[in-house]
Amino acid sequence: MTDYQKIVEGGGKIFRKMNSFRSTLHDIYTEMKNKVALSYNDEKRFIIPNTVKTLPWGHRDIQEYRNGPRKNVAELWCNVVNIVNNGSDENRLDLLLRLLLEEM
């Protein structure tokens, strides 16, 4: 099993050592760093739930996917007004509760 398969199937991170040249005040030296080579968590993209699609962080549609689909507020308000005005007393509460549960 490759490192990539291990990360995709099991999560986690794989670190690798990296050598780099650095300089400070014209003094050149090498430095070894331990960096993340593979990671299950993509920190630069938002994964759309139940799909394989992603959006970059900061995209305007991310909030919609986090909250789930919502109806237009005006449409919801019209439904509430219709129930209150046209429903019988016994039936109003039941209809309002059902409408609110649909929105959740």
Protein backbone atom coordinates (compact mmCIF):
# COMPACT_ATOMS: atom_id res chain seq x y z
CA MET A 1 0.00 0.00 0.00
CA THR A 2 1.41 3.40 -0.97
CA ASP A 3 1.67 6.36 1.38
CA TYR A 4 -1.05 8.11 -0.62
CA GLN A 5 -3.46 5.18 -0.19
CA LYS A 6 -2.75 5.04 3.55
CA ILE A 7 -3.60 8.72 3.98
CA VAL A 8 -6.74 8.64 1.82
CA GLU A 9 -8.14 5.53 3.49
CA GLY A 10 -6.98 6.08 7.06
CA GLY A 11 -6.43 9.82 7.46
CA GLY A 12 -3.48 11.35 9.26
CA LYS A 13 -0.31 13.05 8.05
CA ILE A 14 3.06 11.96 6.68
CA PHE A 15 6.11 14.08 7.48
CA ARG A 16 9.36 14.16 5.49
CA LYS A 17 12.69 15.80 6.21
CA MET A 18 13.68 18.61 3.85
CA ASN A 19 17.07 20.29 3.45
CA SER A 20 17.22 23.93 2.42
CA PHE A 21 19.84 26.66 2.03
CA ARG A 22 19.45 29.72 4.24
CA SER A 23 21.44 32.88 4.69
CA THR A 24 21.71 35.38 7.50
CA LEU A 25 23.89 38.47 7.10
CA HIS A 26 25.74 36.90 4.10
CA ASP A 27 26.42 33.73 6.09
CA ILE A 28 25.11 30.72 4.08
CA TYR A 29 24.14 27.49 5.83
CA THR A 30 21.87 24.47 5.36
CA GLU A 31 18.86 23.75 7.50
CA MET A 32 16.85 20.55 7.90
CA LYS A 33 13.10 20.92 8.42
CA ASN A 34 10.41 18.36 9.11
CA LYS A 35 7.44 19.24 6.85
CA VAL A 36 4.04 17.74 6.08
CA ALA A 37 4.36 15.77 2.83
CA LEU A 38 0.85 14.28 2.68
CA SER A 39 -2.24 15.19 4.66
CA TYR A 40 -5.82 13.96 4.65
CA ASN A 41 -7.06 17.43 5.61
CA ASP A 42 -6.99 19.87 2.69
CA GLU A 43 -6.60 23.19 4.49
CA LYS A 44 -6.98 25.29 1.33
CA ARG A 45 -10.30 23.91 0.06
CA PHE A 46 -13.80 23.36 1.50
CA ILE A 47 -15.16 19.91 0.63
CA ILE A 48 -18.82 20.08 -0.40
CA PRO A 49 -20.72 17.49 1.68
CA ASN A 50 -21.74 14.26 -0.13
CA THR A 51 -19.70 15.13 -3.24
CA VAL A 52 -16.12 15.04 -4.46
CA LYS A 53 -16.24 18.74 -5.34
CA THR A 54 -14.43 21.50 -3.45
CA LEU A 55 -14.51 25.28 -3.16
CA PRO A 56 -11.65 27.60 -2.18
CA TRP A 57 -11.92 29.00 1.35
CA GLY A 58 -13.69 32.35 1.28
CA HIS A 59 -16.05 31.37 -1.57
CA ARG A 60 -19.51 32.92 -1.24
CA ASP A 61 -21.34 29.56 -1.54
CA ILE A 62 -19.62 27.88 1.44
CA GLN A 63 -22.11 29.31 3.95
CA GLU A 64 -25.00 27.87 1.94
CA TYR A 65 -23.48 24.37 2.07
CA ARG A 66 -22.76 24.66 5.79
CA ASN A 67 -26.33 25.77 6.63
CA GLY A 68 -28.05 23.53 4.11
CA PRO A 69 -30.62 24.71 1.58
CA ARG A 70 -33.05 27.35 2.80
CA LYS A 71 -36.23 28.69 1.33
CA ASN A 72 -36.70 32.30 0.58
CA VAL A 73 -37.66 34.17 3.78
CA ALA A 74 -40.49 36.00 2.00
CA GLU A 75 -41.97 32.69 0.82
CA LEU A 76 -41.76 31.26 4.33
CA TRP A 77 -43.42 34.35 5.81
CA CYS A 78 -46.28 34.12 3.26
CA ASN A 79 -46.86 30.49 4.25
CA VAL A 80 -47.01 31.42 7.94
CA VAL A 81 -49.48 34.27 7.27
CA ASN A 82 -51.70 31.96 5.17
CA ILE A 83 -51.77 29.34 7.91
CA VAL A 84 -52.61 31.90 10.60
CA ASN A 85 -55.35 33.56 8.53
CA ASN A 86 -56.95 30.49 6.96
CA GLY A 87 -56.43 27.61 9.35
CA SER A 88 -58.84 26.51 12.03
CA ASP A 89 -57.80 27.08 15.64
CA GLU A 90 -57.04 23.39 16.27
CA ASN A 91 -55.13 23.00 13.04
CA ARG A 92 -52.96 26.17 13.10
CA LEU A 93 -50.35 25.03 15.58
CA ASP A 94 -49.95 21.67 13.88
CA LEU A 95 -49.49 23.31 10.46
CA LEU A 96 -46.99 25.87 11.80
CA LEU A 97 -44.94 23.18 13.53
CA ARG A 98 -44.89 21.06 10.38
CA LEU A 99 -43.77 24.06 8.30
CA LEU A 100 -40.96 24.88 10.74
CA LEU A 101 -39.78 21.26 10.85
CA GLU A 102 -39.55 21.23 7.04
CA GLU A 103 -37.23 24.24 7.23
CA MET A 104 -34.83 22.59 9.68
